[in-house]
Amino acid sequence: SNVSTARELDTDFRRKGFLCCGYHYVLTGAGVSVMRHPASIGAGDPDYDPTAVYIAILNYDGKSPLPQQLEGPLVSLLNELSAQYPGAEILSAPSLMKLEGYEPFNSFIEERNGKTRK
């Protein structure tokens, strides 16, 4: 389904039987929406780390450079989370799932890791 707002994404998850949005944060051109408490377990792979914090970026395909209007809020959120969870690693879903064609986003995330590591 094609959702373009945090509210639509939350509604989509609820329609599928979830209690709320599976992502902790949703980033849109309008900014960052907090969807669930960062300490709650997100709707990721159950075999994966239950301490993971999930961020959805709506209206961005990951195959082109991150638009300026999304970059600022995403960098701020990642810096905030990195300060809160100093040992955490920032990972991109496309690289975790070994998907091809997401180099612009993957390299942005790798660069953030380098900048946020103490």
PDB file of N, CA and C in Angstrom:
ATOM      1  N   SER A   1       0.844  -1.195   0.000  1.00  0.00           N
ATOM      2  CA  SER A   1       0.000   0.000   0.000  1.00  0.00           C
ATOM      3  C   SER A   1       0.877   1.241   0.000  1.00  0.00           C
ATOM      4  N   ASN A   2       0.378   2.274  -0.627  1.00  0.00           N
ATOM      5  CA  ASN A   2       1.164   3.494  -0.772  1.00  0.00           C
ATOM      6  C   ASN A   2       0.761   4.515   0.284  1.00  0.00           C
ATOM      7  N   VAL A   3       1.604   4.700   1.291  1.00  0.00           N
ATOM      8  CA  VAL A   3       1.313   5.662   2.342  1.00  0.00           C
ATOM      9  C   VAL A   3       2.278   6.825   2.246  1.00  0.00           C
ATOM     10  N   SER A   4       1.793   8.029   2.548  1.00  0.00           N
ATOM     11  CA  SER A   4       2.682   9.185   2.445  1.00  0.00           C
ATOM     12  C   SER A   4       2.777   9.988   3.735  1.00  0.00           C
ATOM     13  N   THR A   5       1.999   9.597   4.759  1.00  0.00           N
ATOM     14  CA  THR A   5       2.096  10.295   6.043  1.00  0.00           C
ATOM     15  C   THR A   5       2.283   9.276   7.164  1.00  0.00           C
ATOM     16  N   ALA A   6       2.782   9.763   8.293  1.00  0.00           N
ATOM     17  CA  ALA A   6       2.981   8.904   9.464  1.00  0.00           C
ATOM     18  C   ALA A   6       1.644   8.316   9.909  1.00  0.00           C
ATOM     19  N   ARG A   7       0.590   9.117   9.854  1.00  0.00           N
ATOM     20  CA  ARG A   7      -0.733   8.642  10.272  1.00  0.00           C
ATOM     21  C   ARG A   7      -1.225   7.516   9.367  1.00  0.00           C
ATOM     22  N   GLU A   8      -1.023   7.666   8.058  1.00  0.00           N
ATOM     23  CA  GLU A   8      -1.424   6.615   7.116  1.00  0.00           C
ATOM     24  C   GLU A   8      -0.652   5.322   7.374  1.00  0.00           C
ATOM     25  N   LEU A   9       0.635   5.450   7.698  1.00  0.00           N
ATOM     26  CA  LEU A   9       1.450   4.267   7.976  1.00  0.00           C
ATOM     27  C   LEU A   9       0.942   3.570   9.245  1.00  0.00           C
ATOM     28  N   ASP A  10       0.626   4.352  10.268  1.00  0.00           N
ATOM     29  CA  ASP A  10       0.091   3.802  11.513  1.00  0.00           C
ATOM     30  C   ASP A  10      -1.235   3.073  11.235  1.00  0.00           C
ATOM     31  N   THR A  11      -2.108   3.695  10.470  1.00  0.00           N
ATOM     32  CA  THR A  11      -3.402   3.099  10.109  1.00  0.00           C
ATOM     33  C   THR A  11      -3.191   1.794   9.358  1.00  0.00           C
ATOM     34  N   ASP A  12      -2.205   1.793   8.448  1.00  0.00           N
ATOM     35  CA  ASP A  12      -1.879   0.607   7.659  1.00  0.00           C
ATOM     36  C   ASP A  12      -1.474  -0.563   8.566  1.00  0.00           C
ATOM     37  N   PHE A  13      -0.613  -0.286   9.542  1.00  0.00           N
ATOM     38  CA  PHE A  13      -0.192  -1.332  10.487  1.00  0.00           C
ATOM     39  C   PHE A  13      -1.380  -1.848  11.287  1.00  0.00           C
ATOM     40  N   ARG A  14      -2.234  -0.943  11.755  1.00  0.00           N
ATOM     41  CA  ARG A  14      -3.396  -1.332  12.569  1.00  0.00           C
ATOM     42  C   ARG A  14      -4.358  -2.187  11.750  1.00  0.00           C
ATOM     43  N   ARG A  15      -4.531  -1.823  10.470  1.00  0.00           N
ATOM     44  CA  ARG A  15      -5.386  -2.605   9.576  1.00  0.00           C
ATOM     45  C   ARG A  15      -4.894  -4.040   9.447  1.00  0.00           C
ATOM     46  N   LYS A  16      -3.556  -4.192   9.544  1.00  0.00           N
ATOM     47  CA  LYS A  16      -2.952  -5.529   9.418  1.00  0.00           C
ATOM     48  C   LYS A  16      -2.952  -6.280  10.752  1.00  0.00           C
ATOM     49  N   GLY A  17      -3.540  -5.691  11.792  1.00  0.00           N
ATOM     50  CA  GLY A  17      -3.668  -6.385  13.064  1.00  0.00           C
ATOM     51  C   GLY A  17      -2.655  -6.006  14.125  1.00  0.00           C
ATOM     52  N   PHE A  18      -1.758  -5.067  13.813  1.00  0.00           N
ATOM     53  CA  PHE A  18      -0.792  -4.615  14.821  1.00  0.00           C
ATOM     54  C   PHE A  18      -1.463  -3.612  15.755  1.00  0.00           C
ATOM     55  N   LEU A  19      -0.910  -3.460  16.959  1.00  0.00           N
ATOM     56  CA  LEU A  19      -1.472  -2.504  17.917  1.00  0.00           C
ATOM     57  C   LEU A  19      -1.124  -1.064  17.564  1.00  0.00           C
ATOM     58  N   CYS A  20       0.014  -0.894  16.874  1.00  0.00           N
ATOM     59  CA  CYS A  20       0.417   0.440  16.420  1.00  0.00           C
ATOM     60  C   CYS A  20       1.480   0.270  15.344  1.00  0.00           C
ATOM     61  N   CYS A  21       1.959   1.371  14.844  1.00  0.00           N
ATOM     62  CA  CYS A  21       2.994   1.363  13.810  1.00  0.00           C
ATOM     63  C   CYS A  21       4.203   0.553  14.272  1.00  0.00           C
ATOM     64  N   GLY A  22       4.785  -0.235  13.375  1.00  0.00           N
ATOM     65  CA  GLY A  22       5.942  -1.051  13.713  1.00  0.00           C
ATOM     66  C   GLY A  22       7.242  -0.281  13.795  1.00  0.00           C
ATOM     67  N   TYR A  23       7.240   0.940  13.266  1.00  0.00           N
ATOM     68  CA  TYR A  23       8.446   1.770  13.301  1.00  0.00           C
ATOM     69  C   TYR A  23       8.399   2.678  14.520  1.00  0.00           C
ATOM     70  N   HIS A  24       9.546   2.949  15.103  1.00  0.00           N
ATOM     71  CA  HIS A  24       9.615   3.859  16.248  1.00  0.00           C
ATOM     72  C   HIS A  24       9.487   5.310  15.793  1.00  0.00           C
ATOM     73  N   TYR A  25      10.118   5.613  14.644  1.00  0.00           N
ATOM     74  CA  TYR A  25      10.089   6.969  14.105  1.00  0.00           C
ATOM     75  C   TYR A  25       9.724   6.910  12.634  1.00  0.00           C
ATOM     76  N   VAL A  26       8.976   7.904  12.182  1.00  0.00           N
ATOM     77  CA  VAL A  26       8.661   8.021  10.763  1.00  0.00           C
ATOM     78  C   VAL A  26       9.092   9.409  10.321  1.00  0.00           C
ATOM     79  N   LEU A  27       9.880   9.430   9.257  1.00  0.00           N
ATOM     80  CA  LEU A  27      10.403  10.677   8.711  1.00  0.00           C
ATOM     81  C   LEU A  27       9.698  10.980   7.399  1.00  0.00           C
ATOM     82  N   THR A  28       9.135  12.169   7.305  1.00  0.00           N
ATOM     83  CA  THR A  28       8.523  12.635   6.050  1.00  0.00           C
ATOM     84  C   THR A  28       9.021  14.046   5.798  1.00  0.00           C
ATOM     85  N   GLY A  29       8.598  14.629   4.701  1.00  0.00           N
ATOM     86  CA  GLY A  29       8.944  16.020   4.412  1.00  0.00           C
ATOM     87  C   GLY A  29       8.469  16.959   5.513  1.00  0.00           C
ATOM     88  N   ALA A  30       7.467  16.511   6.279  1.00  0.00           N
ATOM     89  CA  ALA A  30       6.917  17.331   7.367  1.00  0.00           C
ATOM     90  C   ALA A  30       7.758  17.227   8.641  1.00  0.00           C
ATOM     91  N   GLY A  31       8.724  16.313   8.666  1.00  0.00           N
ATOM     92  CA  GLY A  31       9.572  16.160   9.843  1.00  0.00           C
ATOM     93  C   GLY A  31       9.516  14.752  10.407  1.00  0.00           C
ATOM     94  N   VAL A  32       9.885  14.619  11.684  1.00  0.00           N
ATOM     95  CA  VAL A  32       9.958  13.319  12.348  1.00  0.00           C
ATOM     96  C   VAL A  32       8.741  13.136  13.249  1.00  0.00           C
ATOM     97  N   SER A  33       8.079  11.984  13.128  1.00  0.00           N
ATOM     98  CA  SER A  33       6.978  11.638  14.033  1.00  0.00           C
ATOM     99  C   SER A  33       7.428  10.476  14.902  1.00  0.00           C
ATOM    100  N   VAL A  34       7.199  10.583  16.213  1.00  0.00           N
ATOM    101  CA  VAL A  34       7.489   9.485  17.122  1.00  0.00           C
ATOM    102  C   VAL A  34       6.251   8.597  17.132  1.00  0.00           C
ATOM    103  N   MET A  35       6.417   7.325  16.737  1.00  0.00           N
ATOM    104  CA  MET A  35       5.285   6.429  16.591  1.00  0.00           C
ATOM    105  C   MET A  35       5.121   5.457  17.751  1.00  0.00           C
ATOM    106  N   ARG A  36       6.238   5.104  18.386  1.00  0.00           N
ATOM    107  CA  ARG A  36       6.188   4.200  19.541  1.00  0.00           C
ATOM    108  C   ARG A  36       7.414   4.489  20.390  1.00  0.00           C
ATOM    109  N   HIS A  37       7.354   4.117  21.664  1.00  0.00           N
ATOM    110  CA  HIS A  37       8.472   4.385  22.565  1.00  0.00           C
ATOM    111  C   HIS A  37       9.713   3.647  22.067  1.00  0.00           C
ATOM    112  N   PRO A  38      10.863   4.331  22.014  1.00  0.00           N
ATOM    113  CA  PRO A  38      12.086   3.694  21.508  1.00  0.00           C
ATOM    114  C   PRO A  38      12.462   2.414  22.247  1.00  0.00           C
ATOM    115  N   ALA A  39      12.047   2.259  23.505  1.00  0.00           N
ATOM    116  CA  ALA A  39      12.389   1.052  24.261  1.00  0.00           C
ATOM    117  C   ALA A  39      11.457  -0.118  23.932  1.00  0.00           C
ATOM    118  N   SER A  40      10.350   0.145  23.233  1.00  0.00           N
ATOM    119  CA  SER A  40       9.445  -0.951  22.879  1.00  0.00           C
ATOM    120  C   SER A  40       9.999  -1.694  21.670  1.00  0.00           C
ATOM    121  N   ILE A  41       9.659  -2.966  21.546  1.00  0.00           N
ATOM    122  CA  ILE A  41      10.189  -3.770  20.440  1.00  0.00           C
ATOM    123  C   ILE A  41       9.436  -3.439  19.162  1.00  0.00           C
ATOM    124  N   GLY A  42      10.178  -3.103  18.117  1.00  0.00           N
ATOM    125  CA  GLY A  42       9.564  -2.753  16.842  1.00  0.00           C
ATOM    126  C   GLY A  42       9.184  -3.991  16.047  1.00  0.00           C
ATOM    127  N   ALA A  43       8.506  -3.768  14.935  1.00  0.00           N
ATOM    128  CA  ALA A  43       8.010  -4.881  14.115  1.00  0.00           C
ATOM    129  C   ALA A  43       9.065  -5.341  13.120  1.00  0.00           C
ATOM    130  N   GLY A  44      10.239  -5.660  13.626  1.00  0.00           N
ATOM    131  CA  GLY A  44      11.298  -6.158  12.756  1.00  0.00           C
ATOM    132  C   GLY A  44      11.284  -7.673  12.729  1.00  0.00           C
ATOM    133  N   ASP A  45      12.301  -8.243  12.170  1.00  0.00           N
ATOM    134  CA  ASP A  45      12.474  -9.692  12.127  1.00  0.00           C
ATOM    135  C   ASP A  45      12.637 -10.190  13.563  1.00  0.00           C
ATOM    136  N   PRO A  46      11.796 -11.155  14.001  1.00  0.00           N
ATOM    137  CA  PRO A  46      11.910 -11.640  15.382  1.00  0.00           C
ATOM    138  C   PRO A  46      13.272 -12.264  15.708  1.00  0.00           C
ATOM    139  N   ASP A  47      13.994 -12.709  14.694  1.00  0.00           N
ATOM    140  CA  ASP A  47      15.332 -13.269  14.925  1.00  0.00           C
ATOM    141  C   ASP A  47      16.377 -12.174  15.101  1.00  0.00           C
ATOM    142  N   TYR A  48      15.975 -10.932  14.801  1.00  0.00           N
ATOM    143  CA  TYR A  48      16.926  -9.837  14.872  1.00  0.00           C
ATOM    144  C   TYR A  48      16.917  -9.204  16.253  1.00  0.00           C
ATOM    145  N   ASP A  49      17.788  -8.290  16.475  1.00  0.00           N
ATOM    146  CA  ASP A  49      17.998  -7.645  17.754  1.00  0.00           C
ATOM    147  C   ASP A  49      16.734  -6.932  18.264  1.00  0.00           C
ATOM    148  N   PRO A  50      16.178  -7.374  19.392  1.00  0.00           N
ATOM    149  CA  PRO A  50      14.969  -6.724  19.918  1.00  0.00           C
ATOM    150  C   PRO A  50      15.217  -5.305  20.427  1.00  0.00           C
ATOM    151  N   THR A  51      16.492  -4.919  20.569  1.00  0.00           N
ATOM    152  CA  THR A  51      16.780  -3.561  21.024  1.00  0.00           C
ATOM    153  C   THR A  51      16.860  -2.578  19.855  1.00  0.00           C
ATOM    154  N   ALA A  52      16.671  -3.067  18.640  1.00  0.00           N
ATOM    155  CA  ALA A  52      16.774  -2.188  17.469  1.00  0.00           C
ATOM    156  C   ALA A  52      15.697  -1.101  17.514  1.00  0.00           C
ATOM    157  N   VAL A  53      16.061   0.078  17.024  1.00  0.00           N
ATOM    158  CA  VAL A  53      15.129   1.194  16.887  1.00  0.00           C
ATOM    159  C   VAL A  53      14.926   1.381  15.387  1.00  0.00           C
ATOM    160  N   TYR A  54      13.665   1.358  14.950  1.00  0.00           N
ATOM    161  CA  TYR A  54      13.364   1.415  13.516  1.00  0.00           C
ATOM    162  C   TYR A  54      12.897   2.794  13.087  1.00  0.00           C
ATOM    163  N   ILE A  55      13.435   3.244  11.957  1.00  0.00           N
ATOM    164  CA  ILE A  55      13.042   4.531  11.379  1.00  0.00           C
ATOM    165  C   ILE A  55      12.557   4.273   9.956  1.00  0.00           C
ATOM    166  N   ALA A  56      11.348   4.718   9.654  1.00  0.00           N
ATOM    167  CA  ALA A  56      10.828   4.638   8.280  1.00  0.00           C
ATOM    168  C   ALA A  56      11.003   5.998   7.631  1.00  0.00           C
ATOM    169  N   ILE A  57      11.443   5.990   6.380  1.00  0.00           N
ATOM    170  CA  ILE A  57      11.540   7.239   5.618  1.00  0.00           C
ATOM    171  C   ILE A  57      10.526   7.132   4.491  1.00  0.00           C
ATOM    172  N   LEU A  58       9.475   7.933   4.559  1.00  0.00           N
ATOM    173  CA  LEU A  58       8.423   7.852   3.549  1.00  0.00           C
ATOM    174  C   LEU A  58       8.765   8.726   2.342  1.00  0.00           C
ATOM    175  N   ASN A  59       8.310   8.307   1.185  1.00  0.00           N
ATOM    176  CA  ASN A  59       8.496   9.046  -0.073  1.00  0.00           C
ATOM    177  C   ASN A  59       9.966   9.206  -0.457  1.00  0.00           C
ATOM    178  N   TYR A  60      10.766   8.200  -0.145  1.00  0.00           N
ATOM    179  CA  TYR A  60      12.175   8.179  -0.556  1.00  0.00           C
ATOM    180  C   TYR A  60      12.519   6.735  -0.877  1.00  0.00           C
ATOM    181  N   ASP A  61      13.084   6.509  -2.057  1.00  0.00           N
ATOM    182  CA  ASP A  61      13.325   5.128  -2.499  1.00  0.00           C
ATOM    183  C   ASP A  61      14.702   4.574  -2.128  1.00  0.00           C
ATOM    184  N   GLY A  62      15.603   5.413  -1.633  1.00  0.00           N
ATOM    185  CA  GLY A  62      16.914   4.938  -1.226  1.00  0.00           C
ATOM    186  C   GLY A  62      17.904   4.742  -2.358  1.00  0.00           C
ATOM    187  N   LYS A  63      17.427   4.969  -3.592  1.00  0.00           N
ATOM    188  CA  LYS A  63      18.281   4.723  -4.765  1.00  0.00           C
ATOM    189  C   LYS A  63      18.866   6.009  -5.332  1.00  0.00           C
ATOM    190  N   SER A  64      18.501   7.123  -4.744  1.00  0.00           N
ATOM    191  CA  SER A  64      19.044   8.418  -5.150  1.00  0.00           C
ATOM    192  C   SER A  64      19.528   9.114  -3.880  1.00  0.00           C
ATOM    193  N   PRO A  65      20.313  10.188  -4.027  1.00  0.00           N
ATOM    194  CA  PRO A  65      20.757  10.880  -2.812  1.00  0.00           C
ATOM    195  C   PRO A  65      19.556  11.343  -1.979  1.00  0.00           C
ATOM    196  N   LEU A  66      19.726  11.340  -0.677  1.00  0.00           N
ATOM    197  CA  LEU A  66      18.666  11.755   0.229  1.00  0.00           C
ATOM    198  C   LEU A  66      18.310  13.220  -0.033  1.00  0.00           C
ATOM    199  N   PRO A  67      17.027  13.537  -0.250  1.00  0.00           N
ATOM    200  CA  PRO A  67      16.653  14.942  -0.469  1.00  0.00           C
ATOM    201  C   PRO A  67      17.012  15.802   0.742  1.00  0.00           C
ATOM    202  N   GLN A  68      17.422  17.031   0.485  1.00  0.00           N
ATOM    203  CA  GLN A  68      17.858  17.962   1.527  1.00  0.00           C
ATOM    204  C   GLN A  68      16.828  18.079   2.651  1.00  0.00           C
ATOM    205  N   GLN A  69      15.541  18.129   2.293  1.00  0.00           N
ATOM    206  CA  GLN A  69      14.494  18.312   3.318  1.00  0.00           C
ATOM    207  C   GLN A  69      14.384  17.120   4.267  1.00  0.00           C
ATOM    208  N   LEU A  70      14.870  15.951   3.832  1.00  0.00           N
ATOM    209  CA  LEU A  70      14.864  14.770   4.704  1.00  0.00           C
ATOM    210  C   LEU A  70      16.186  14.617   5.443  1.00  0.00           C
ATOM    211  N   GLU A  71      17.260  15.078   4.801  1.00  0.00           N
ATOM    212  CA  GLU A  71      18.593  14.868   5.369  1.00  0.00           C
ATOM    213  C   GLU A  71      18.774  15.536   6.726  1.00  0.00           C
ATOM    214  N   GLY A  72      18.391  16.797   6.845  1.00  0.00           N
ATOM    215  CA  GLY A  72      18.544  17.527   8.112  1.00  0.00           C
ATOM    216  C   GLY A  72      17.853  16.834   9.277  1.00  0.00           C
ATOM    217  N   PRO A  73      16.530  16.564   9.141  1.00  0.00           N
ATOM    218  CA  PRO A  73      15.828  15.892  10.240  1.00  0.00           C
ATOM    219  C   PRO A  73      16.375  14.491  10.523  1.00  0.00           C
ATOM    220  N   LEU A  74      16.799  13.745   9.489  1.00  0.00           N
ATOM    221  CA  LEU A  74      17.335  12.404   9.715  1.00  0.00           C
ATOM    222  C   LEU A  74      18.661  12.473  10.462  1.00  0.00           C
ATOM    223  N   VAL A  75      19.536  13.386  10.059  1.00  0.00           N
ATOM    224  CA  VAL A  75      20.827  13.550  10.737  1.00  0.00           C
ATOM    225  C   VAL A  75      20.598  13.918  12.203  1.00  0.00           C
ATOM    226  N   SER A  76      19.674  14.841  12.460  1.00  0.00           N
ATOM    227  CA  SER A  76      19.377  15.237  13.848  1.00  0.00           C
ATOM    228  C   SER A  76      18.892  14.047  14.667  1.00  0.00           C
ATOM    229  N   LEU A  77      17.971  13.260  14.088  1.00  0.00           N
ATOM    230  CA  LEU A  77      17.438  12.099  14.790  1.00  0.00           C
ATOM    231  C   LEU A  77      18.530  11.066  15.056  1.00  0.00           C
ATOM    232  N   LEU A  78      19.367  10.798  14.046  1.00  0.00           N
ATOM    233  CA  LEU A  78      20.445   9.815  14.218  1.00  0.00           C
ATOM    234  C   LEU A  78      21.455  10.279  15.266  1.00  0.00           C
ATOM    235  N   ASN A  79      21.758  11.586  15.274  1.00  0.00           N
ATOM    236  CA  ASN A  79      22.689  12.122  16.274  1.00  0.00           C
ATOM    237  C   ASN A  79      22.110  11.990  17.679  1.00  0.00           C
ATOM    238  N   GLU A  80      20.809  12.278  17.796  1.00  0.00           N
ATOM    239  CA  GLU A  80      20.111  12.173  19.076  1.00  0.00           C
ATOM    240  C   GLU A  80      20.131  10.718  19.572  1.00  0.00           C
ATOM    241  N   LEU A  81      19.803   9.785  18.670  1.00  0.00           N
ATOM    242  CA  LEU A  81      19.782   8.365  19.043  1.00  0.00           C
ATOM    243  C   LEU A  81      21.182   7.858  19.372  1.00  0.00           C
ATOM    244  N   SER A  82      22.184   8.320  18.620  1.00  0.00           N
ATOM    245  CA  SER A  82      23.568   7.906  18.870  1.00  0.00           C
ATOM    246  C   SER A  82      24.057   8.399  20.227  1.00  0.00           C
ATOM    247  N   ALA A  83      23.587   9.574  20.640  1.00  0.00           N
ATOM    248  CA  ALA A  83      23.952  10.106  21.955  1.00  0.00           C
ATOM    249  C   ALA A  83      23.269   9.287  23.053  1.00  0.00           C
ATOM    250  N   GLN A  84      22.022   8.870  22.779  1.00  0.00           N
ATOM    251  CA  GLN A  84      21.243   8.088  23.735  1.00  0.00           C
ATOM    252  C   GLN A  84      21.756   6.649  23.852  1.00  0.00           C
ATOM    253  N   TYR A  85      22.193   6.089  22.718  1.00  0.00           N
ATOM    254  CA  TYR A  85      22.678   4.702  22.657  1.00  0.00           C
ATOM    255  C   TYR A  85      24.078   4.705  22.063  1.00  0.00           C
ATOM    256  N   PRO A  86      25.085   5.087  22.873  1.00  0.00           N
ATOM    257  CA  PRO A  86      26.440   5.290  22.347  1.00  0.00           C
ATOM    258  C   PRO A  86      27.067   4.072  21.671  1.00  0.00           C
ATOM    259  N   GLY A  87      26.695   2.865  22.082  1.00  0.00           N
ATOM    260  CA  GLY A  87      27.302   1.681  21.473  1.00  0.00           C
ATOM    261  C   GLY A  87      26.587   1.208  20.222  1.00  0.00           C
ATOM    262  N   ALA A  88      25.506   1.880  19.857  1.00  0.00           N
ATOM    263  CA  ALA A  88      24.669   1.404  18.752  1.00  0.00           C
ATOM    264  C   ALA A  88      25.308   1.627  17.392  1.00  0.00           C
ATOM    265  N   GLU A  89      24.980   0.736  16.481  1.00  0.00           N
ATOM    266  CA  GLU A  89      25.429   0.858  15.100  1.00  0.00           C
ATOM    267  C   GLU A  89      24.214   1.244  14.254  1.00  0.00           C
ATOM    268  N   ILE A  90      24.428   2.153  13.302  1.00  0.00           N
ATOM    269  CA  ILE A  90      23.355   2.571  12.409  1.00  0.00           C
ATOM    270  C   ILE A  90      23.417   1.680  11.171  1.00  0.00           C
ATOM    271  N   LEU A  91      22.322   1.007  10.868  1.00  0.00           N
ATOM    272  CA  LEU A  91      22.280   0.087   9.730  1.00  0.00           C
ATOM    273  C   LEU A  91      21.161   0.470   8.783  1.00  0.00           C
ATOM    274  N   SER A  92      21.350   0.194   7.498  1.00  0.00           N
ATOM    275  CA  SER A  92      20.272   0.448   6.542  1.00  0.00           C
ATOM    276  C   SER A  92      19.605  -0.879   6.203  1.00  0.00           C
ATOM    277  N   ALA A  93      18.290  -0.855   6.097  1.00  0.00           N
ATOM    278  CA  ALA A  93      17.544  -2.071   5.761  1.00  0.00           C
ATOM    279  C   ALA A  93      18.023  -2.677   4.435  1.00  0.00           C
ATOM    280  N   PRO A  94      18.233  -1.864   3.379  1.00  0.00           N
ATOM    281  CA  PRO A  94      18.695  -2.480   2.122  1.00  0.00           C
ATOM    282  C   PRO A  94      20.016  -3.238   2.257  1.00  0.00           C
ATOM    283  N   SER A  95      20.949  -2.726   3.073  1.00  0.00           N
ATOM    284  CA  SER A  95      22.217  -3.445   3.225  1.00  0.00           C
ATOM    285  C   SER A  95      22.024  -4.701   4.071  1.00  0.00           C
ATOM    286  N   LEU A  96      21.161  -4.630   5.099  1.00  0.00           N
ATOM    287  CA  LEU A  96      20.869  -5.817   5.915  1.00  0.00           C
ATOM    288  C   LEU A  96      20.231  -6.912   5.071  1.00  0.00           C
ATOM    289  N   MET A  97      19.345  -6.502   4.154  1.00  0.00           N
ATOM    290  CA  MET A  97      18.625  -7.465   3.320  1.00  0.00           C
ATOM    291  C   MET A  97      19.383  -7.782   2.026  1.00  0.00           C
ATOM    292  N   LYS A  98      20.592  -7.209   1.913  1.00  0.00           N
ATOM    293  CA  LYS A  98      21.453  -7.428   0.749  1.00  0.00           C
ATOM    294  C   LYS A  98      20.754  -7.119  -0.578  1.00  0.00           C
ATOM    295  N   LEU A  99      20.050  -5.970  -0.599  1.00  0.00           N
ATOM    296  CA  LEU A  99      19.359  -5.533  -1.815  1.00  0.00           C
ATOM    297  C   LEU A  99      20.308  -4.702  -2.662  1.00  0.00           C
ATOM    298  N   GLU A 100      20.174  -4.807  -3.956  1.00  0.00           N
ATOM    299  CA  GLU A 100      21.029  -4.068  -4.888  1.00  0.00           C
ATOM    300  C   GLU A 100      20.435  -2.698  -5.213  1.00  0.00           C
ATOM    301  N   GLY A 101      21.300  -1.742  -5.530  1.00  0.00           N
ATOM    302  CA  GLY A 101      20.852  -0.463  -6.052  1.00  0.00           C
ATOM    303  C   GLY A 101      20.605   0.627  -5.029  1.00  0.00           C
ATOM    304  N   TYR A 102      20.958   0.370  -3.779  1.00  0.00           N
ATOM    305  CA  TYR A 102      20.690   1.361  -2.724  1.00  0.00           C
ATOM    306  C   TYR A 102      21.959   2.051  -2.243  1.00  0.00           C
ATOM    307  N   GLU A 103      22.986   2.101  -3.107  1.00  0.00           N
ATOM    308  CA  GLU A 103      24.275   2.665  -2.702  1.00  0.00           C
ATOM    309  C   GLU A 103      24.170   4.081  -2.144  1.00  0.00           C
ATOM    310  N   PRO A 104      23.372   4.994  -2.755  1.00  0.00           N
ATOM    311  CA  PRO A 104      23.333   6.354  -2.191  1.00  0.00           C
ATOM    312  C   PRO A 104      22.905   6.366  -0.723  1.00  0.00           C
ATOM    313  N   PHE A 105      21.876   5.600  -0.392  1.00  0.00           N
ATOM    314  CA  PHE A 105      21.403   5.571   0.991  1.00  0.00           C
ATOM    315  C   PHE A 105      22.376   4.817   1.889  1.00  0.00           C
ATOM    316  N   ASN A 106      22.862   3.665   1.416  1.00  0.00           N
ATOM    317  CA  ASN A 106      23.796   2.871   2.216  1.00  0.00           C
ATOM    318  C   ASN A 106      25.053   3.665   2.549  1.00  0.00           C
ATOM    319  N   SER A 107      25.586   4.395   1.584  1.00  0.00           N
ATOM    320  CA  SER A 107      26.811   5.152   1.867  1.00  0.00           C
ATOM    321  C   SER A 107      26.518   6.330   2.796  1.00  0.00           C
ATOM    322  N   PHE A 108      25.326   6.916   2.697  1.00  0.00           N
ATOM    323  CA  PHE A 108      24.921   7.972   3.634  1.00  0.00           C
ATOM    324  C   PHE A 108      24.926   7.413   5.064  1.00  0.00           C
ATOM    325  N   ILE A 109      24.350   6.230   5.240  1.00  0.00           N
ATOM    326  CA  ILE A 109      24.278   5.602   6.563  1.00  0.00           C
ATOM    327  C   ILE A 109      25.674   5.240   7.072  1.00  0.00           C
ATOM    328  N   GLU A 110      26.511   4.677   6.212  1.00  0.00           N
ATOM    329  CA  GLU A 110      27.886   4.335   6.617  1.00  0.00           C
ATOM    330  C   GLU A 110      28.641   5.588   7.050  1.00  0.00           C
ATOM    331  N   GLU A 111      28.424   6.666   6.327  1.00  0.00           N
ATOM    332  CA  GLU A 111      29.074   7.941   6.659  1.00  0.00           C
ATOM    333  C   GLU A 111      28.599   8.439   8.029  1.00  0.00           C
ATOM    334  N   ARG A 112      27.304   8.295   8.316  1.00  0.00           N
ATOM    335  CA  ARG A 112      26.768   8.707   9.620  1.00  0.00           C
ATOM    336  C   ARG A 112      27.414   7.895  10.733  1.00  0.00           C
ATOM    337  N   ASN A 113      27.599   6.594  10.497  1.00  0.00           N
ATOM    338  CA  ASN A 113      28.246   5.743  11.497  1.00  0.00           C
ATOM    339  C   ASN A 113      29.610   6.284  11.843  1.00  0.00           C
ATOM    340  N   GLY A 114      30.361   6.645  10.822  1.00  0.00           N
ATOM    341  CA  GLY A 114      31.703   7.187  11.035  1.00  0.00           C
ATOM    342  C   GLY A 114      31.673   8.474  11.837  1.00  0.00           C
ATOM    343  N   LYS A 115      30.664   9.336  11.555  1.00  0.00           N
ATOM    344  CA  LYS A 115      30.593  10.631  12.230  1.00  0.00           C
ATOM    345  C   LYS A 115      30.068  10.543  13.644  1.00  0.00           C
ATOM    346  N   THR A 116      29.261   9.505  13.944  1.00  0.00           N
ATOM    347  CA  THR A 116      28.665   9.461  15.268  1.00  0.00           C
ATOM    348  C   THR A 116      29.461   8.594  16.233  1.00  0.00           C
ATOM    349  N   ARG A 117      30.376   7.783  15.727  1.00  0.00           N
ATOM    350  CA  ARG A 117      31.201   6.954  16.625  1.00  0.00           C
ATOM    351  C   ARG A 117      32.195   7.829  17.355  1.00  0.00           C
ATOM    352  N   LYS A 118      32.311   7.573  18.635  1.00  0.00           N
ATOM    353  CA  LYS A 118      33.257   8.378  19.431  1.00  0.00           C
ATOM    354  C   LYS A 118      34.659   7.755  19.331  1.00  0.00           C
TER     355      LYS A 118
END
